[in-house]
Amino acid sequence: MLLQHSVAAPDFGTIYSILKSGKLKSSSITKNIRMFGWEEGSPYVFLNIKELVKNYWTRFVINSDFLLTKKFCLNLGWQADCDKGSIIDGKKLTKYKLNKILKEYKDKINITDEFDTMSHEILVLKNIDLKEYLKEVHITIELNEEERKKIERISKKYPRVKFIF
């Protein structure tokens, strides 16, 4: 299953920094804090199931297999945190079990309007290594010629990734 991380208020510097580091990092690491209630930043990277989200933000599409290496939780509705009993240790799952959990989660999501597509989130602790699991990068902001060349150069670090402008 494909998941995606949407970049709110993206700019070239943020997109380039993510691609250069090869990681999606939580705001507690980046200190790029945009969420009310997280003075020190959230310890999570927020993701959604790709096929449910219909947004036009810049986004990173990732194969869900990386969850087999992480602790995460599945929220129905905006919670911005994991309930203590809801944390799943992906290291204890098989690929089959992970896919079953994600399918059941997807089936529970009730979307009543376009805004709901972003409110059901998978929260992953710390960071996500993109080098192995990144599948697509959708860049929806206008880039000048120099910025586009920089993205094209760094895209060579990701030969199996589709870049969409």
C-alpha atoms as a PDB file:
ATOM      1  CA  MET A   1       0.000   0.000   0.000  1.00  0.00           C
ATOM      2  CA  LEU A   2       1.229   3.509  -0.732  1.00  0.00           C
ATOM      3  CA  LEU A   3       1.251   6.231   1.893  1.00  0.00           C
ATOM      4  CA  GLN A   4       1.934   9.914   1.471  1.00  0.00           C
ATOM      5  CA  HIS A   5       3.307  12.776   3.485  1.00  0.00           C
ATOM      6  CA  SER A   6       1.928  16.142   2.396  1.00  0.00           C
ATOM      7  CA  VAL A   7       4.080  19.199   2.943  1.00  0.00           C
ATOM      8  CA  ALA A   8       1.965  22.051   4.285  1.00  0.00           C
ATOM      9  CA  ALA A   9       3.073  25.433   2.963  1.00  0.00           C
ATOM     10  CA  PRO A  10       5.929  23.944   0.943  1.00  0.00           C
ATOM     11  CA  ASP A  11       8.836  25.966  -0.319  1.00  0.00           C
ATOM     12  CA  PHE A  12      11.860  24.986  -2.362  1.00  0.00           C
ATOM     13  CA  GLY A  13      14.172  24.982   0.674  1.00  0.00           C
ATOM     14  CA  THR A  14      12.001  22.497   2.586  1.00  0.00           C
ATOM     15  CA  ILE A  15      11.583  20.134  -0.367  1.00  0.00           C
ATOM     16  CA  TYR A  16      15.280  20.254  -1.245  1.00  0.00           C
ATOM     17  CA  SER A  17      16.314  19.742   2.391  1.00  0.00           C
ATOM     18  CA  ILE A  18      14.136  16.632   2.684  1.00  0.00           C
ATOM     19  CA  LEU A  19      15.527  15.156  -0.532  1.00  0.00           C
ATOM     20  CA  LYS A  20      19.102  16.021   0.410  1.00  0.00           C
ATOM     21  CA  SER A  21      18.825  14.420   3.868  1.00  0.00           C
ATOM     22  CA  GLY A  22      16.965  11.377   2.504  1.00  0.00           C
ATOM     23  CA  LYS A  23      14.609  11.435   5.484  1.00  0.00           C
ATOM     24  CA  LEU A  24      11.197  12.690   6.483  1.00  0.00           C
ATOM     25  CA  LYS A  25      11.792  13.924  10.023  1.00  0.00           C
ATOM     26  CA  SER A  26       9.398  14.764  12.820  1.00  0.00           C
ATOM     27  CA  SER A  27       9.070  18.421  13.800  1.00  0.00           C
ATOM     28  CA  SER A  28      10.680  17.623  17.169  1.00  0.00           C
ATOM     29  CA  ILE A  29      13.855  16.911  15.158  1.00  0.00           C
ATOM     30  CA  THR A  30      13.574  19.643  12.501  1.00  0.00           C
ATOM     31  CA  LYS A  31      12.199  22.297  14.880  1.00  0.00           C
ATOM     32  CA  ASN A  32       9.925  23.349  12.003  1.00  0.00           C
ATOM     33  CA  ILE A  33       6.924  23.625  14.301  1.00  0.00           C
ATOM     34  CA  ARG A  34       3.591  24.436  12.688  1.00  0.00           C
ATOM     35  CA  MET A  35       1.152  22.588  14.925  1.00  0.00           C
ATOM     36  CA  PHE A  36      -0.724  24.151  17.814  1.00  0.00           C
ATOM     37  CA  GLY A  37       0.002  22.380  21.082  1.00  0.00           C
ATOM     38  CA  TRP A  38       3.452  21.037  20.169  1.00  0.00           C
ATOM     39  CA  GLU A  39       5.806  23.680  21.593  1.00  0.00           C
ATOM     40  CA  GLU A  40       8.780  21.315  21.234  1.00  0.00           C
ATOM     41  CA  GLY A  41       7.513  19.810  17.995  1.00  0.00           C
ATOM     42  CA  SER A  42       5.665  16.577  17.389  1.00  0.00           C
ATOM     43  CA  PRO A  43       7.596  13.323  17.762  1.00  0.00           C
ATOM     44  CA  TYR A  44       5.705  11.952  14.736  1.00  0.00           C
ATOM     45  CA  VAL A  45       5.794  12.127  10.956  1.00  0.00           C
ATOM     46  CA  PHE A  46       2.210  12.312   9.686  1.00  0.00           C
ATOM     47  CA  LEU A  47       1.090  10.162   6.719  1.00  0.00           C
ATOM     48  CA  ASN A  48      -2.126   9.313   4.917  1.00  0.00           C
ATOM     49  CA  ILE A  49      -3.191   6.449   2.668  1.00  0.00           C
ATOM     50  CA  LYS A  50      -2.431   7.788  -0.804  1.00  0.00           C
ATOM     51  CA  GLU A  51      -5.513   6.570  -2.635  1.00  0.00           C
ATOM     52  CA  LEU A  52      -7.806   8.307  -0.117  1.00  0.00           C
ATOM     53  CA  VAL A  53      -6.137  11.705  -0.276  1.00  0.00           C
ATOM     54  CA  LYS A  54      -7.058  14.069  -3.066  1.00  0.00           C
ATOM     55  CA  ASN A  55      -4.940  17.088  -2.387  1.00  0.00           C
ATOM     56  CA  TYR A  56      -2.728  19.226  -4.505  1.00  0.00           C
ATOM     57  CA  TRP A  57       0.045  19.900  -1.992  1.00  0.00           C
ATOM     58  CA  THR A  58       3.623  18.890  -2.517  1.00  0.00           C
ATOM     59  CA  ARG A  59       3.891  15.327  -1.294  1.00  0.00           C
ATOM     60  CA  PHE A  60       6.180  12.358  -0.871  1.00  0.00           C
ATOM     61  CA  VAL A  61       4.665   8.961  -1.736  1.00  0.00           C
ATOM     62  CA  ILE A  62       6.169   6.049   0.197  1.00  0.00           C
ATOM     63  CA  ASN A  63       5.800   2.269   0.148  1.00  0.00           C
ATOM     64  CA  SER A  64       4.218   1.196   3.455  1.00  0.00           C
ATOM     65  CA  ASP A  65       6.795  -1.597   3.946  1.00  0.00           C
ATOM     66  CA  PHE A  66       8.953   0.817   5.961  1.00  0.00           C
ATOM     67  CA  LEU A  67       6.381   0.449   8.764  1.00  0.00           C
ATOM     68  CA  LEU A  68       7.900  -2.993   9.424  1.00  0.00           C
ATOM     69  CA  THR A  69      10.889  -1.116  10.907  1.00  0.00           C
ATOM     70  CA  LYS A  70       9.016   1.483  13.001  1.00  0.00           C
ATOM     71  CA  LYS A  71       6.575   2.132  15.816  1.00  0.00           C
ATOM     72  CA  PHE A  72       3.413   3.824  14.611  1.00  0.00           C
ATOM     73  CA  CYS A  73      -0.283   4.324  15.281  1.00  0.00           C
ATOM     74  CA  LEU A  74      -3.391   4.655  13.140  1.00  0.00           C
ATOM     75  CA  ASN A  75      -5.702   7.540  14.011  1.00  0.00           C
ATOM     76  CA  LEU A  76      -9.286   7.858  12.886  1.00  0.00           C
ATOM     77  CA  GLY A  77      -9.849  11.594  12.865  1.00  0.00           C
ATOM     78  CA  TRP A  78      -7.439  14.323  13.871  1.00  0.00           C
ATOM     79  CA  GLN A  79      -5.777  13.469  17.156  1.00  0.00           C
ATOM     80  CA  ALA A  80      -2.155  14.553  16.487  1.00  0.00           C
ATOM     81  CA  ASP A  81      -0.954  12.021  19.077  1.00  0.00           C
ATOM     82  CA  CYS A  82      -1.072   8.290  19.725  1.00  0.00           C
ATOM     83  CA  ASP A  83      -3.194   6.873  22.523  1.00  0.00           C
ATOM     84  CA  LYS A  84      -0.941   4.819  24.800  1.00  0.00           C
ATOM     85  CA  GLY A  85      -2.542   1.492  23.845  1.00  0.00           C
ATOM     86  CA  SER A  86      -2.638   2.213  20.123  1.00  0.00           C
ATOM     87  CA  ILE A  87       1.090   2.114  19.310  1.00  0.00           C
ATOM     88  CA  ILE A  88       1.984  -0.729  16.941  1.00  0.00           C
ATOM     89  CA  ASP A  89       5.514  -2.112  16.825  1.00  0.00           C
ATOM     90  CA  GLY A  90       6.089  -2.834  13.144  1.00  0.00           C
ATOM     91  CA  LYS A  91       9.151  -4.952  13.954  1.00  0.00           C
ATOM     92  CA  LYS A  92       6.774  -7.558  15.394  1.00  0.00           C
ATOM     93  CA  LEU A  93       4.681  -7.773  12.217  1.00  0.00           C
ATOM     94  CA  THR A  94       4.969  -9.764   9.032  1.00  0.00           C
ATOM     95  CA  LYS A  95       4.310  -8.031   5.725  1.00  0.00           C
ATOM     96  CA  TYR A  96       1.032  -9.962   5.462  1.00  0.00           C
ATOM     97  CA  LYS A  97      -0.104  -8.789   8.928  1.00  0.00           C
ATOM     98  CA  LEU A  98       0.889  -5.176   8.178  1.00  0.00           C
ATOM     99  CA  ASN A  99      -1.103  -5.196   4.933  1.00  0.00           C
ATOM    100  CA  LYS A 100      -4.101  -6.663   6.753  1.00  0.00           C
ATOM    101  CA  ILE A 101      -3.910  -3.958   9.458  1.00  0.00           C
ATOM    102  CA  LEU A 102      -3.651  -1.190   6.850  1.00  0.00           C
ATOM    103  CA  LYS A 103      -6.546  -2.585   4.806  1.00  0.00           C
ATOM    104  CA  GLU A 104      -8.757  -2.804   7.915  1.00  0.00           C
ATOM    105  CA  TYR A 105      -7.757   0.759   8.837  1.00  0.00           C
ATOM    106  CA  LYS A 106      -8.553   2.004   5.326  1.00  0.00           C
ATOM    107  CA  ASP A 107     -11.957   0.270   5.452  1.00  0.00           C
ATOM    108  CA  LYS A 108     -12.803   2.052   8.738  1.00  0.00           C
ATOM    109  CA  ILE A 109     -12.101   5.526   7.401  1.00  0.00           C
ATOM    110  CA  ASN A 110     -15.330   7.397   6.771  1.00  0.00           C
ATOM    111  CA  ILE A 111     -14.852  10.295   4.382  1.00  0.00           C
ATOM    112  CA  THR A 112     -17.800  12.684   4.323  1.00  0.00           C
ATOM    113  CA  ASP A 113     -16.063  15.579   2.578  1.00  0.00           C
ATOM    114  CA  GLU A 114     -12.737  16.458   0.957  1.00  0.00           C
ATOM    115  CA  PHE A 115     -11.351  17.830   4.247  1.00  0.00           C
ATOM    116  CA  ASP A 116     -11.752  14.392   5.874  1.00  0.00           C
ATOM    117  CA  THR A 117      -9.197  12.886   3.506  1.00  0.00           C
ATOM    118  CA  MET A 118      -6.390  14.541   5.470  1.00  0.00           C
ATOM    119  CA  SER A 119      -7.750  13.980   8.977  1.00  0.00           C
ATOM    120  CA  HIS A 120      -7.106  10.237   9.219  1.00  0.00           C
ATOM    121  CA  GLU A 121      -3.418   9.932   9.869  1.00  0.00           C
ATOM    122  CA  ILE A 122      -0.758   7.322  10.390  1.00  0.00           C
ATOM    123  CA  LEU A 123       1.721   8.657  12.936  1.00  0.00           C
ATOM    124  CA  VAL A 124       5.283   7.326  12.744  1.00  0.00           C
ATOM    125  CA  LEU A 125       7.843   7.966  15.468  1.00  0.00           C
ATOM    126  CA  LYS A 126      10.981   9.990  14.649  1.00  0.00           C
ATOM    127  CA  ASN A 127      11.809   9.775  10.929  1.00  0.00           C
ATOM    128  CA  ILE A 128      11.387   7.815   7.720  1.00  0.00           C
ATOM    129  CA  ASP A 129      14.293   6.807   5.497  1.00  0.00           C
ATOM    130  CA  LEU A 130      13.312   7.709   1.945  1.00  0.00           C
ATOM    131  CA  LYS A 131      16.192   6.128   0.066  1.00  0.00           C
ATOM    132  CA  GLU A 132      14.654   2.649   0.069  1.00  0.00           C
ATOM    133  CA  TYR A 133      10.922   3.331   0.264  1.00  0.00           C
ATOM    134  CA  LEU A 134      10.230   6.571  -1.647  1.00  0.00           C
ATOM    135  CA  LYS A 135       8.190   5.984  -4.833  1.00  0.00           C
ATOM    136  CA  GLU A 136       7.041   9.424  -6.048  1.00  0.00           C
ATOM    137  CA  VAL A 137       7.602  13.101  -5.339  1.00  0.00           C
ATOM    138  CA  HIS A 138       4.850  15.501  -6.417  1.00  0.00           C
ATOM    139  CA  ILE A 139       6.115  19.076  -6.492  1.00  0.00           C
ATOM    140  CA  THR A 140       3.214  21.466  -6.843  1.00  0.00           C
ATOM    141  CA  ILE A 141       4.983  24.781  -6.268  1.00  0.00           C
ATOM    142  CA  GLU A 142       6.455  26.923  -9.006  1.00  0.00           C
ATOM    143  CA  LEU A 143      10.197  26.442  -9.306  1.00  0.00           C
ATOM    144  CA  ASN A 144      12.551  28.798 -11.055  1.00  0.00           C
ATOM    145  CA  GLU A 145      15.070  27.355 -13.518  1.00  0.00           C
ATOM    146  CA  GLU A 146      17.879  27.107 -10.944  1.00  0.00           C
ATOM    147  CA  GLU A 147      15.629  25.352  -8.378  1.00  0.00           C
ATOM    148  CA  ARG A 148      14.348  22.897 -10.975  1.00  0.00           C
ATOM    149  CA  LYS A 149      17.921  22.020 -11.988  1.00  0.00           C
ATOM    150  CA  LYS A 150      18.827  21.413  -8.341  1.00  0.00           C
ATOM    151  CA  ILE A 151      15.831  19.078  -7.946  1.00  0.00           C
ATOM    152  CA  GLU A 152      16.772  17.268 -11.162  1.00  0.00           C
ATOM    153  CA  ARG A 153      20.366  16.808  -9.916  1.00  0.00           C
ATOM    154  CA  ILE A 154      19.326  15.513  -6.503  1.00  0.00           C
ATOM    155  CA  SER A 155      16.734  13.220  -8.117  1.00  0.00           C
ATOM    156  CA  LYS A 156      19.670  11.142  -9.381  1.00  0.00           C
ATOM    157  CA  LYS A 157      20.090   9.941  -5.771  1.00  0.00           C
ATOM    158  CA  TYR A 158      16.640   8.350  -6.223  1.00  0.00           C
ATOM    159  CA  PRO A 159      16.811   6.411  -9.527  1.00  0.00           C
ATOM    160  CA  ARG A 160      13.614   4.395  -8.887  1.00  0.00           C
ATOM    161  CA  VAL A 161      11.551   7.448  -7.884  1.00  0.00           C
ATOM    162  CA  LYS A 162       9.146   9.257 -10.175  1.00  0.00           C
ATOM    163  CA  PHE A 163       9.339  13.071  -9.882  1.00  0.00           C
ATOM    164  CA  ILE A 164       6.180  14.876 -10.949  1.00  0.00           C
ATOM    165  CA  PHE A 165       6.188  18.643 -11.479  1.00  0.00           C
END
